[in-house]
PDB file of N, CA and C in Angstrom:
ATOM      1  N   MET A   1     -32.311 -16.546  13.925  1.00  0.00           N
ATOM      2  CA  MET A   1     -31.317 -17.386  13.279  1.00  0.00           C
ATOM      3  C   MET A   1     -31.443 -17.292  11.759  1.00  0.00           C
ATOM      4  N   ILE A   2     -32.651 -17.451  11.246  1.00  0.00           N
ATOM      5  CA  ILE A   2     -32.866 -17.391   9.805  1.00  0.00           C
ATOM      6  C   ILE A   2     -32.604 -15.981   9.299  1.00  0.00           C
ATOM      7  N   LYS A   3     -32.964 -14.988  10.113  1.00  0.00           N
ATOM      8  CA  LYS A   3     -32.741 -13.599   9.742  1.00  0.00           C
ATOM      9  C   LYS A   3     -31.238 -13.320   9.572  1.00  0.00           C
ATOM     10  N   LYS A   4     -30.424 -13.879  10.470  1.00  0.00           N
ATOM     11  CA  LYS A   4     -28.968 -13.712  10.373  1.00  0.00           C
ATOM     12  C   LYS A   4     -28.421 -14.388   9.125  1.00  0.00           C
ATOM     13  N   MET A   5     -28.951 -15.561   8.799  1.00  0.00           N
ATOM     14  CA  MET A   5     -28.492 -16.271   7.606  1.00  0.00           C
ATOM     15  C   MET A   5     -28.843 -15.495   6.342  1.00  0.00           C
ATOM     16  N   ILE A   6     -30.053 -14.956   6.296  1.00  0.00           N
ATOM     17  CA  ILE A   6     -30.477 -14.177   5.132  1.00  0.00           C
ATOM     18  C   ILE A   6     -29.613 -12.930   4.997  1.00  0.00           C
ATOM     19  N   LEU A   7     -29.339 -12.266   6.114  1.00  0.00           N
ATOM     20  CA  LEU A   7     -28.485 -11.083   6.099  1.00  0.00           C
ATOM     21  C   LEU A   7     -27.078 -11.433   5.615  1.00  0.00           C
ATOM     22  N   LYS A   8     -26.552 -12.549   6.073  1.00  0.00           N
ATOM     23  CA  LYS A   8     -25.219 -12.992   5.652  1.00  0.00           C
ATOM     24  C   LYS A   8     -25.200 -13.288   4.150  1.00  0.00           C
ATOM     25  N   ILE A   9     -26.216 -13.958   3.662  1.00  0.00           N
ATOM     26  CA  ILE A   9     -26.307 -14.264   2.229  1.00  0.00           C
ATOM     27  C   ILE A   9     -26.392 -12.975   1.417  1.00  0.00           C
ATOM     28  N   LEU A  10     -27.171 -12.012   1.885  1.00  0.00           N
ATOM     29  CA  LEU A  10     -27.274 -10.728   1.186  1.00  0.00           C
ATOM     30  C   LEU A  10     -25.936  -9.992   1.166  1.00  0.00           C
ATOM     31  N   ARG A  11     -25.198 -10.065   2.267  1.00  0.00           N
ATOM     32  CA  ARG A  11     -23.869  -9.433   2.305  1.00  0.00           C
ATOM     33  C   ARG A  11     -22.903 -10.116   1.345  1.00  0.00           C
ATOM     34  N   ILE A  12     -22.975 -11.432   1.260  1.00  0.00           N
ATOM     35  CA  ILE A  12     -22.102 -12.168   0.336  1.00  0.00           C
ATOM     36  C   ILE A  12     -22.437 -11.805  -1.103  1.00  0.00           C
ATOM     37  N   VAL A  13     -23.718 -11.784  -1.435  1.00  0.00           N
ATOM     38  CA  VAL A  13     -24.147 -11.409  -2.791  1.00  0.00           C
ATOM     39  C   VAL A  13     -23.713  -9.978  -3.099  1.00  0.00           C
ATOM     40  N   SER A  14     -23.888  -9.082  -2.138  1.00  0.00           N
ATOM     41  CA  SER A  14     -23.483  -7.686  -2.311  1.00  0.00           C
ATOM     42  C   SER A  14     -21.976  -7.592  -2.561  1.00  0.00           C
ATOM     43  N   PHE A  15     -21.198  -8.370  -1.813  1.00  0.00           N
ATOM     44  CA  PHE A  15     -19.751  -8.367  -1.996  1.00  0.00           C
ATOM     45  C   PHE A  15     -19.366  -8.889  -3.383  1.00  0.00           C
ATOM     46  N   ILE A  16     -19.986  -9.965  -3.801  1.00  0.00           N
ATOM     47  CA  ILE A  16     -19.679 -10.539  -5.121  1.00  0.00           C
ATOM     48  C   ILE A  16     -20.003  -9.530  -6.219  1.00  0.00           C
ATOM     49  N   LEU A  17     -21.146  -8.885  -6.137  1.00  0.00           N
ATOM     50  CA  LEU A  17     -21.511  -7.877  -7.136  1.00  0.00           C
ATOM     51  C   LEU A  17     -20.557  -6.690  -7.101  1.00  0.00           C
ATOM     52  N   PHE A  18     -20.172  -6.251  -5.902  1.00  0.00           N
ATOM     53  CA  PHE A  18     -19.202  -5.165  -5.760  1.00  0.00           C
ATOM     54  C   PHE A  18     -17.882  -5.537  -6.424  1.00  0.00           C
ATOM     55  N   TYR A  19     -17.399  -6.743  -6.146  1.00  0.00           N
ATOM     56  CA  TYR A  19     -16.105  -7.148  -6.682  1.00  0.00           C
ATOM     57  C   TYR A  19     -16.156  -7.308  -8.209  1.00  0.00           C
ATOM     58  N   ILE A  20     -17.237  -7.860  -8.726  1.00  0.00           N
ATOM     59  CA  ILE A  20     -17.386  -7.985 -10.181  1.00  0.00           C
ATOM     60  C   ILE A  20     -17.367  -6.596 -10.826  1.00  0.00           C
ATOM     61  N   LYS A  21     -18.077  -5.651 -10.215  1.00  0.00           N
ATOM     62  CA  LYS A  21     -18.083  -4.271 -10.727  1.00  0.00           C
ATOM     63  C   LYS A  21     -16.667  -3.691 -10.737  1.00  0.00           C
ATOM     64  N   GLU A  22     -15.912  -3.903  -9.653  1.00  0.00           N
ATOM     65  CA  GLU A  22     -14.545  -3.379  -9.565  1.00  0.00           C
ATOM     66  C   GLU A  22     -13.638  -4.005 -10.631  1.00  0.00           C
ATOM     67  N   VAL A  23     -13.786  -5.285 -10.872  1.00  0.00           N
ATOM     68  CA  VAL A  23     -12.973  -5.960 -11.891  1.00  0.00           C
ATOM     69  C   VAL A  23     -13.326  -5.440 -13.282  1.00  0.00           C
ATOM     70  N   ILE A  24     -14.600  -5.246 -13.545  1.00  0.00           N
ATOM     71  CA  ILE A  24     -15.016  -4.722 -14.855  1.00  0.00           C
ATOM     72  C   ILE A  24     -14.469  -3.308 -15.060  1.00  0.00           C
ATOM     73  N   ILE A  25     -14.588  -2.458 -14.055  1.00  0.00           N
ATOM     74  CA  ILE A  25     -14.067  -1.092 -14.163  1.00  0.00           C
ATOM     75  C   ILE A  25     -12.560  -1.114 -14.403  1.00  0.00           C
ATOM     76  N   ALA A  26     -11.840  -1.952 -13.679  1.00  0.00           N
ATOM     77  CA  ALA A  26     -10.389  -2.037 -13.846  1.00  0.00           C
ATOM     78  C   ALA A  26     -10.025  -2.535 -15.246  1.00  0.00           C
ATOM     79  N   ASN A  27     -10.753  -3.523 -15.746  1.00  0.00           N
ATOM     80  CA  ASN A  27     -10.491  -4.033 -17.092  1.00  0.00           C
ATOM     81  C   ASN A  27     -10.738  -2.969 -18.156  1.00  0.00           C
ATOM     82  N   VAL A  28     -11.829  -2.235 -18.016  1.00  0.00           N
ATOM     83  CA  VAL A  28     -12.151  -1.181 -18.982  1.00  0.00           C
ATOM     84  C   VAL A  28     -11.082  -0.090 -18.946  1.00  0.00           C
ATOM     85  N   ARG A  29     -10.662   0.291 -17.761  1.00  0.00           N
ATOM     86  CA  ARG A  29      -9.629   1.325 -17.639  1.00  0.00           C
ATOM     87  C   ARG A  29      -8.327   0.904 -18.307  1.00  0.00           C
ATOM     88  N   ILE A  30      -7.914  -0.316 -18.076  1.00  0.00           N
ATOM     89  CA  ILE A  30      -6.676  -0.800 -18.683  1.00  0.00           C
ATOM     90  C   ILE A  30      -6.832  -0.945 -20.192  1.00  0.00           C
ATOM     91  N   ALA A  31      -7.959  -1.487 -20.648  1.00  0.00           N
ATOM     92  CA  ALA A  31      -8.195  -1.637 -22.091  1.00  0.00           C
ATOM     93  C   ALA A  31      -8.198  -0.275 -22.779  1.00  0.00           C
ATOM     94  N   TYR A  32      -8.861   0.698 -22.178  1.00  0.00           N
ATOM     95  CA  TYR A  32      -8.891   2.044 -22.754  1.00  0.00           C
ATOM     96  C   TYR A  32      -7.483   2.624 -22.838  1.00  0.00           C
ATOM     97  N   ASP A  33      -6.713   2.421 -21.782  1.00  0.00           N
ATOM     98  CA  ASP A  33      -5.347   2.951 -21.759  1.00  0.00           C
ATOM     99  C   ASP A  33      -4.475   2.283 -22.818  1.00  0.00           C
ATOM    100  N   ILE A  34      -4.649   1.008 -23.023  1.00  0.00           N
ATOM    101  CA  ILE A  34      -3.865   0.286 -24.031  1.00  0.00           C
ATOM    102  C   ILE A  34      -4.245   0.738 -25.430  1.00  0.00           C
ATOM    103  N   LEU A  35      -5.521   0.958 -25.663  1.00  0.00           N
ATOM    104  CA  LEU A  35      -5.988   1.324 -26.996  1.00  0.00           C
ATOM    105  C   LEU A  35      -5.833   2.810 -27.314  1.00  0.00           C
ATOM    106  N   SER A  36      -5.648   3.642 -26.325  1.00  0.00           N
ATOM    107  CA  SER A  36      -5.479   5.073 -26.581  1.00  0.00           C
ATOM    108  C   SER A  36      -4.022   5.357 -26.962  1.00  0.00           C
ATOM    109  N   PRO A  37      -3.780   6.437 -27.706  1.00  0.00           N
ATOM    110  CA  PRO A  37      -2.421   6.721 -28.172  1.00  0.00           C
ATOM    111  C   PRO A  37      -1.449   7.120 -27.055  1.00  0.00           C
ATOM    112  N   ARG A  38      -1.954   7.628 -25.950  1.00  0.00           N
ATOM    113  CA  ARG A  38      -1.073   8.031 -24.859  1.00  0.00           C
ATOM    114  C   ARG A  38      -1.414   7.244 -23.604  1.00  0.00           C
ATOM    115  N   TYR A  39      -0.375   6.703 -22.980  1.00  0.00           N
ATOM    116  CA  TYR A  39      -0.577   5.976 -21.729  1.00  0.00           C
ATOM    117  C   TYR A  39      -0.804   6.946 -20.584  1.00  0.00           C
ATOM    118  N   LYS A  40      -1.696   6.563 -19.697  1.00  0.00           N
ATOM    119  CA  LYS A  40      -1.957   7.367 -18.503  1.00  0.00           C
ATOM    120  C   LYS A  40      -1.490   6.635 -17.248  1.00  0.00           C
ATOM    121  N   ILE A  41      -0.637   5.664 -17.434  1.00  0.00           N
ATOM    122  CA  ILE A  41      -0.163   4.853 -16.314  1.00  0.00           C
ATOM    123  C   ILE A  41       0.754   5.694 -15.427  1.00  0.00           C
ATOM    124  N   LYS A  42       0.490   5.654 -14.137  1.00  0.00           N
ATOM    125  CA  LYS A  42       1.342   6.272 -13.124  1.00  0.00           C
ATOM    126  C   LYS A  42       1.552   5.218 -12.039  1.00  0.00           C
ATOM    127  N   PRO A  43       2.489   4.298 -12.248  1.00  0.00           N
ATOM    128  CA  PRO A  43       2.649   3.210 -11.283  1.00  0.00           C
ATOM    129  C   PRO A  43       3.226   3.691  -9.955  1.00  0.00           C
ATOM    130  N   GLY A  44       2.913   2.924  -8.928  1.00  0.00           N
ATOM    131  CA  GLY A  44       3.449   3.225  -7.605  1.00  0.00           C
ATOM    132  C   GLY A  44       3.214   2.074  -6.650  1.00  0.00           C
ATOM    133  N   VAL A  45       3.974   2.102  -5.573  1.00  0.00           N
ATOM    134  CA  VAL A  45       3.829   1.102  -4.516  1.00  0.00           C
ATOM    135  C   VAL A  45       3.310   1.821  -3.277  1.00  0.00           C
ATOM    136  N   LEU A  46       2.253   1.263  -2.709  1.00  0.00           N
ATOM    137  CA  LEU A  46       1.615   1.860  -1.536  1.00  0.00           C
ATOM    138  C   LEU A  46       1.679   0.915  -0.343  1.00  0.00           C
ATOM    139  N   ALA A  47       1.847   1.493   0.832  1.00  0.00           N
ATOM    140  CA  ALA A  47       1.700   0.743   2.080  1.00  0.00           C
ATOM    141  C   ALA A  47       0.305   1.062   2.600  1.00  0.00           C
ATOM    142  N   ILE A  48      -0.512   0.034   2.725  1.00  0.00           N
ATOM    143  CA  ILE A  48      -1.895   0.229   3.159  1.00  0.00           C
ATOM    144  C   ILE A  48      -2.084  -0.454   4.517  1.00  0.00           C
ATOM    145  N   PRO A  49      -2.378   0.330   5.563  1.00  0.00           N
ATOM    146  CA  PRO A  49      -2.626  -0.289   6.873  1.00  0.00           C
ATOM    147  C   PRO A  49      -3.908  -1.118   6.831  1.00  0.00           C
ATOM    148  N   LEU A  50      -3.864  -2.244   7.480  1.00  0.00           N
ATOM    149  CA  LEU A  50      -5.000  -3.169   7.444  1.00  0.00           C
ATOM    150  C   LEU A  50      -5.808  -3.116   8.731  1.00  0.00           C
ATOM    151  N   ASP A  51      -7.121  -3.200   8.579  1.00  0.00           N
ATOM    152  CA  ASP A  51      -8.020  -3.361   9.714  1.00  0.00           C
ATOM    153  C   ASP A  51      -8.450  -4.815   9.869  1.00  0.00           C
ATOM    154  N   VAL A  52      -8.310  -5.595   8.792  1.00  0.00           N
ATOM    155  CA  VAL A  52      -8.637  -7.020   8.880  1.00  0.00           C
ATOM    156  C   VAL A  52      -7.641  -7.674   9.827  1.00  0.00           C
ATOM    157  N   GLU A  53      -8.069  -8.735  10.507  1.00  0.00           N
ATOM    158  CA  GLU A  53      -7.233  -9.310  11.556  1.00  0.00           C
ATOM    159  C   GLU A  53      -6.879 -10.775  11.353  1.00  0.00           C
ATOM    160  N   THR A  54      -7.842 -11.565  10.908  1.00  0.00           N
ATOM    161  CA  THR A  54      -7.583 -12.999  10.820  1.00  0.00           C
ATOM    162  C   THR A  54      -6.734 -13.321   9.586  1.00  0.00           C
ATOM    163  N   ASP A  55      -6.090 -14.464   9.628  1.00  0.00           N
ATOM    164  CA  ASP A  55      -5.286 -14.901   8.485  1.00  0.00           C
ATOM    165  C   ASP A  55      -6.149 -15.059   7.236  1.00  0.00           C
ATOM    166  N   PHE A  56      -7.380 -15.547   7.414  1.00  0.00           N
ATOM    167  CA  PHE A  56      -8.281 -15.714   6.275  1.00  0.00           C
ATOM    168  C   PHE A  56      -8.591 -14.370   5.629  1.00  0.00           C
ATOM    169  N   GLU A  57      -8.883 -13.362   6.448  1.00  0.00           N
ATOM    170  CA  GLU A  57      -9.193 -12.033   5.916  1.00  0.00           C
ATOM    171  C   GLU A  57      -7.982 -11.426   5.200  1.00  0.00           C
ATOM    172  N   ILE A  58      -6.815 -11.585   5.789  1.00  0.00           N
ATOM    173  CA  ILE A  58      -5.589 -11.056   5.174  1.00  0.00           C
ATOM    174  C   ILE A  58      -5.308 -11.772   3.859  1.00  0.00           C
ATOM    175  N   LEU A  59      -5.442 -13.079   3.848  1.00  0.00           N
ATOM    176  CA  LEU A  59      -5.254 -13.845   2.623  1.00  0.00           C
ATOM    177  C   LEU A  59      -6.272 -13.438   1.564  1.00  0.00           C
ATOM    178  N   SER A  60      -7.511 -13.242   1.979  1.00  0.00           N
ATOM    179  CA  SER A  60      -8.567 -12.863   1.038  1.00  0.00           C
ATOM    180  C   SER A  60      -8.302 -11.504   0.408  1.00  0.00           C
ATOM    181  N   ILE A  61      -7.956 -10.501   1.210  1.00  0.00           N
ATOM    182  CA  ILE A  61      -7.704  -9.177   0.644  1.00  0.00           C
ATOM    183  C   ILE A  61      -6.472  -9.203  -0.239  1.00  0.00           C
ATOM    184  N   ASN A  62      -5.483  -9.987   0.152  1.00  0.00           N
ATOM    185  CA  ASN A  62      -4.272 -10.155  -0.650  1.00  0.00           C
ATOM    186  C   ASN A  62      -4.610 -10.729  -2.027  1.00  0.00           C
ATOM    187  N   ASN A  63      -5.372 -11.784  -2.045  1.00  0.00           N
ATOM    188  CA  ASN A  63      -5.738 -12.436  -3.309  1.00  0.00           C
ATOM    189  C   ASN A  63      -6.679 -11.576  -4.149  1.00  0.00           C
ATOM    190  N   LEU A  64      -7.642 -10.936  -3.522  1.00  0.00           N
ATOM    191  CA  LEU A  64      -8.585 -10.101  -4.266  1.00  0.00           C
ATOM    192  C   LEU A  64      -7.889  -8.910  -4.912  1.00  0.00           C
ATOM    193  N   LEU A  65      -6.942  -8.304  -4.209  1.00  0.00           N
ATOM    194  CA  LEU A  65      -6.176  -7.201  -4.803  1.00  0.00           C
ATOM    195  C   LEU A  65      -5.344  -7.689  -5.981  1.00  0.00           C
ATOM    196  N   THR A  66      -4.740  -8.849  -5.840  1.00  0.00           N
ATOM    197  CA  THR A  66      -3.904  -9.392  -6.912  1.00  0.00           C
ATOM    198  C   THR A  66      -4.744  -9.788  -8.126  1.00  0.00           C
ATOM    199  N   MET A  67      -5.962 -10.270  -7.900  1.00  0.00           N
ATOM    200  CA  MET A  67      -6.815 -10.675  -9.026  1.00  0.00           C
ATOM    201  C   MET A  67      -7.472  -9.495  -9.731  1.00  0.00           C
ATOM    202  N   THR A  68      -7.451  -8.326  -9.115  1.00  0.00           N
ATOM    203  CA  THR A  68      -8.023  -7.143  -9.739  1.00  0.00           C
ATOM    204  C   THR A  68      -6.996  -6.557 -10.706  1.00  0.00           C
ATOM    205  N   PRO A  69      -7.345  -6.409 -11.970  1.00  0.00           N
ATOM    206  CA  PRO A  69      -6.394  -5.853 -12.940  1.00  0.00           C
ATOM    207  C   PRO A  69      -5.918  -4.461 -12.515  1.00  0.00           C
ATOM    208  N   GLY A  70      -4.619  -4.246 -12.596  1.00  0.00           N
ATOM    209  CA  GLY A  70      -4.048  -2.958 -12.255  1.00  0.00           C
ATOM    210  C   GLY A  70      -3.467  -2.889 -10.862  1.00  0.00           C
ATOM    211  N   THR A  71      -3.721  -3.900 -10.037  1.00  0.00           N
ATOM    212  CA  THR A  71      -3.127  -3.932  -8.698  1.00  0.00           C
ATOM    213  C   THR A  71      -2.480  -5.287  -8.461  1.00  0.00           C
ATOM    214  N   LEU A  72      -1.445  -5.267  -7.648  1.00  0.00           N
ATOM    215  CA  LEU A  72      -0.725  -6.492  -7.322  1.00  0.00           C
ATOM    216  C   LEU A  72      -0.236  -6.391  -5.891  1.00  0.00           C
ATOM    217  N   SER A  73      -0.592  -7.347  -5.079  1.00  0.00           N
ATOM    218  CA  SER A  73      -0.109  -7.387  -3.707  1.00  0.00           C
ATOM    219  C   SER A  73       1.333  -7.872  -3.722  1.00  0.00           C
ATOM    220  N   LEU A  74       2.221  -7.086  -3.126  1.00  0.00           N
ATOM    221  CA  LEU A  74       3.637  -7.436  -3.134  1.00  0.00           C
ATOM    222  C   LEU A  74       4.074  -8.159  -1.866  1.00  0.00           C
ATOM    223  N   ASP A  75       3.615  -7.667  -0.721  1.00  0.00           N
ATOM    224  CA  ASP A  75       4.086  -8.226   0.538  1.00  0.00           C
ATOM    225  C   ASP A  75       3.141  -7.830   1.661  1.00  0.00           C
ATOM    226  N   ILE A  76       3.252  -8.539   2.753  1.00  0.00           N
ATOM    227  CA  ILE A  76       2.522  -8.214   3.970  1.00  0.00           C
ATOM    228  C   ILE A  76       3.556  -8.087   5.072  1.00  0.00           C
ATOM    229  N   SER A  77       3.433  -7.059   5.897  1.00  0.00           N
ATOM    230  CA  SER A  77       4.404  -6.854   6.974  1.00  0.00           C
ATOM    231  C   SER A  77       4.401  -8.044   7.923  1.00  0.00           C
ATOM    232  N   THR A  78       5.487  -8.214   8.645  1.00  0.00           N
ATOM    233  CA  THR A  78       5.603  -9.359   9.544  1.00  0.00           C
ATOM    234  C   THR A  78       4.562  -9.337  10.657  1.00  0.00           C
ATOM    235  N   ASP A  79       4.114  -8.142  11.055  1.00  0.00           N
ATOM    236  CA  ASP A  79       3.089  -8.067  12.089  1.00  0.00           C
ATOM    237  C   ASP A  79       1.666  -8.136  11.521  1.00  0.00           C
ATOM    238  N   LYS A  80       1.556  -8.316  10.195  1.00  0.00           N
ATOM    239  CA  LYS A  80       0.283  -8.476   9.480  1.00  0.00           C
ATOM    240  C   LYS A  80      -0.627  -7.257   9.618  1.00  0.00           C
ATOM    241  N   ARG A  81      -0.051  -6.079   9.759  1.00  0.00           N
ATOM    242  CA  ARG A  81      -0.836  -4.858   9.898  1.00  0.00           C
ATOM    243  C   ARG A  81      -0.777  -3.968   8.662  1.00  0.00           C
ATOM    244  N   VAL A  82       0.146  -4.273   7.720  1.00  0.00           N
ATOM    245  CA  VAL A  82       0.313  -3.449   6.520  1.00  0.00           C
ATOM    246  C   VAL A  82       0.478  -4.360   5.315  1.00  0.00           C
ATOM    247  N   ILE A  83      -0.198  -4.002   4.221  1.00  0.00           N
ATOM    248  CA  ILE A  83      -0.033  -4.720   2.962  1.00  0.00           C
ATOM    249  C   ILE A  83       0.588  -3.744   1.966  1.00  0.00           C
ATOM    250  N   TYR A  84       1.551  -4.233   1.201  1.00  0.00           N
ATOM    251  CA  TYR A  84       2.218  -3.415   0.189  1.00  0.00           C
ATOM    252  C   TYR A  84       1.648  -3.793  -1.172  1.00  0.00           C
ATOM    253  N   VAL A  85       1.156  -2.779  -1.877  1.00  0.00           N
ATOM    254  CA  VAL A  85       0.447  -2.994  -3.130  1.00  0.00           C
ATOM    255  C   VAL A  85       1.082  -2.166  -4.232  1.00  0.00           C
ATOM    256  N   HIS A  86       1.320  -2.807  -5.371  1.00  0.00           N
ATOM    257  CA  HIS A  86       1.743  -2.082  -6.578  1.00  0.00           C
ATOM    258  C   HIS A  86       0.476  -1.807  -7.377  1.00  0.00           C
ATOM    259  N   ALA A  87       0.293  -0.546  -7.753  1.00  0.00           N
ATOM    260  CA  ALA A  87      -0.869  -0.159  -8.547  1.00  0.00           C
ATOM    261  C   ALA A  87      -0.408   0.548  -9.813  1.00  0.00           C
ATOM    262  N   MET A  88      -1.115   0.335 -10.905  1.00  0.00           N
ATOM    263  CA  MET A  88      -0.755   0.961 -12.178  1.00  0.00           C
ATOM    264  C   MET A  88      -1.186   2.413 -12.248  1.00  0.00           C
ATOM    265  N   TYR A  89      -2.209   2.787 -11.520  1.00  0.00           N
ATOM    266  CA  TYR A  89      -2.751   4.141 -11.592  1.00  0.00           C
ATOM    267  C   TYR A  89      -2.749   4.766 -10.196  1.00  0.00           C
ATOM    268  N   VAL A  90      -1.685   5.461  -9.867  1.00  0.00           N
ATOM    269  CA  VAL A  90      -1.566   6.109  -8.567  1.00  0.00           C
ATOM    270  C   VAL A  90      -1.482   7.617  -8.796  1.00  0.00           C
ATOM    271  N   ASP A  91      -2.629   8.211  -9.110  1.00  0.00           N
ATOM    272  CA  ASP A  91      -2.676   9.662  -9.273  1.00  0.00           C
ATOM    273  C   ASP A  91      -2.580  10.330  -7.906  1.00  0.00           C
ATOM    274  N   ASP A  92      -3.313   9.790  -6.948  1.00  0.00           N
ATOM    275  CA  ASP A  92      -3.327  10.309  -5.582  1.00  0.00           C
ATOM    276  C   ASP A  92      -3.217   9.107  -4.636  1.00  0.00           C
ATOM    277  N   PRO A  93      -2.035   8.890  -4.055  1.00  0.00           N
ATOM    278  CA  PRO A  93      -1.846   7.706  -3.198  1.00  0.00           C
ATOM    279  C   PRO A  93      -2.844   7.617  -2.042  1.00  0.00           C
ATOM    280  N   GLU A  94      -3.130   8.756  -1.404  1.00  0.00           N
ATOM    281  CA  GLU A  94      -4.051   8.730  -0.267  1.00  0.00           C
ATOM    282  C   GLU A  94      -5.465   8.366  -0.712  1.00  0.00           C
ATOM    283  N   GLN A  95      -5.880   8.857  -1.868  1.00  0.00           N
ATOM    284  CA  GLN A  95      -7.206   8.529  -2.394  1.00  0.00           C
ATOM    285  C   GLN A  95      -7.312   7.034  -2.703  1.00  0.00           C
ATOM    286  N   LEU A  96      -6.265   6.457  -3.285  1.00  0.00           N
ATOM    287  CA  LEU A  96      -6.274   5.021  -3.581  1.00  0.00           C
ATOM    288  C   LEU A  96      -6.339   4.207  -2.298  1.00  0.00           C
ATOM    289  N   ARG A  97      -5.593   4.619  -1.276  1.00  0.00           N
ATOM    290  CA  ARG A  97      -5.674   3.934   0.026  1.00  0.00           C
ATOM    291  C   ARG A  97      -7.108   3.958   0.551  1.00  0.00           C
ATOM    292  N   LYS A  98      -7.739   5.129   0.487  1.00  0.00           N
ATOM    293  CA  LYS A  98      -9.109   5.269   0.979  1.00  0.00           C
ATOM    294  C   LYS A  98     -10.068   4.389   0.184  1.00  0.00           C
ATOM    295  N   GLU A  99      -9.874   4.319  -1.140  1.00  0.00           N
ATOM    296  CA  GLU A  99     -10.746   3.490  -1.977  1.00  0.00           C
ATOM    297  C   GLU A  99     -10.631   2.021  -1.600  1.00  0.00           C
ATOM    298  N   ILE A 100      -9.407   1.559  -1.361  1.00  0.00           N
ATOM    299  CA  ILE A 100      -9.201   0.152  -1.002  1.00  0.00           C
ATOM    300  C   ILE A 100      -9.773  -0.130   0.380  1.00  0.00           C
ATOM    301  N   LYS A 101      -9.521   0.755   1.333  1.00  0.00           N
ATOM    302  CA  LYS A 101      -9.998   0.536   2.700  1.00  0.00           C
ATOM    303  C   LYS A 101     -11.520   0.654   2.793  1.00  0.00           C
ATOM    304  N   ALA A 102     -12.088   1.697   2.174  1.00  0.00           N
ATOM    305  CA  ALA A 102     -13.531   1.921   2.270  1.00  0.00           C
ATOM    306  C   ALA A 102     -14.313   0.988   1.349  1.00  0.00           C
ATOM    307  N   GLY A 103     -13.662   0.480   0.329  1.00  0.00           N
ATOM    308  CA  GLY A 103     -14.331  -0.413  -0.609  1.00  0.00           C
ATOM    309  C   GLY A 103     -14.080  -1.870  -0.281  1.00  0.00           C
ATOM    310  N   LEU A 104     -12.972  -2.381  -0.785  1.00  0.00           N
ATOM    311  CA  LEU A 104     -12.677  -3.812  -0.687  1.00  0.00           C
ATOM    312  C   LEU A 104     -12.555  -4.294   0.759  1.00  0.00           C
ATOM    313  N   GLU A 105     -11.772  -3.597   1.563  1.00  0.00           N
ATOM    314  CA  GLU A 105     -11.554  -4.074   2.929  1.00  0.00           C
ATOM    315  C   GLU A 105     -12.842  -4.011   3.760  1.00  0.00           C
ATOM    316  N   LYS A 106     -13.575  -2.929   3.643  1.00  0.00           N
ATOM    317  CA  LYS A 106     -14.823  -2.788   4.402  1.00  0.00           C
ATOM    318  C   LYS A 106     -15.836  -3.859   3.998  1.00  0.00           C
ATOM    319  N   LYS A 107     -15.999  -4.060   2.684  1.00  0.00           N
ATOM    320  CA  LYS A 107     -16.945  -5.074   2.202  1.00  0.00           C
ATOM    321  C   LYS A 107     -16.520  -6.471   2.650  1.00  0.00           C
ATOM    322  N   LEU A 108     -15.215  -6.736   2.607  1.00  0.00           N
ATOM    323  CA  LEU A 108     -14.711  -8.037   3.040  1.00  0.00           C
ATOM    324  C   LEU A 108     -15.009  -8.266   4.520  1.00  0.00           C
ATOM    325  N   MET A 109     -14.817  -7.245   5.335  1.00  0.00           N
ATOM    326  CA  MET A 109     -15.085  -7.390   6.766  1.00  0.00           C
ATOM    327  C   MET A 109     -16.570  -7.607   7.036  1.00  0.00           C
ATOM    328  N   GLU A 110     -17.441  -7.016   6.223  1.00  0.00           N
ATOM    329  CA  GLU A 110     -18.873  -7.227   6.383  1.00  0.00           C
ATOM    330  C   GLU A 110     -19.235  -8.702   6.141  1.00  0.00           C
ATOM    331  N   VAL A 111     -18.531  -9.326   5.229  1.00  0.00           N
ATOM    332  CA  VAL A 111     -18.826 -10.730   4.887  1.00  0.00           C
ATOM    333  C   VAL A 111     -18.222 -11.683   5.923  1.00  0.00           C
ATOM    334  N   THR A 112     -17.026 -11.381   6.402  1.00  0.00           N
ATOM    335  CA  THR A 112     -16.317 -12.335   7.260  1.00  0.00           C
ATOM    336  C   THR A 112     -16.653 -12.195   8.734  1.00  0.00           C
ATOM    337  N   ARG A 113     -17.320 -11.148   9.099  1.00  0.00           N
ATOM    338  CA  ARG A 113     -17.620 -10.951  10.539  1.00  0.00           C
ATOM    339  C   ARG A 113     -19.070 -11.075  10.841  1.00  0.00           C
TER     340      ARG A 113
END
């Protein structure tokens, strides 16, 4: 029982540190782009299939994406299986999908399950 609690606390701390790192990287990227003479913005809207299932998980990923500079959650499909995200830097749409799924969504599922 205590071992599970310690593991859960470690996962939560790991998630918080991961998310802080992602926010800092996003802020630096946007600040650099604003201060440089040429913009590197390539905006786009992506449909990202979701593996999260509960309303709490969907709400959490929605809010976390929106709070991260450079991304904005636009909508969630009626069947709650796809989230539509506007991103400022879409050089490779498939790579961005993989980053969100393997990063934010995976870490979120580790904390909530």
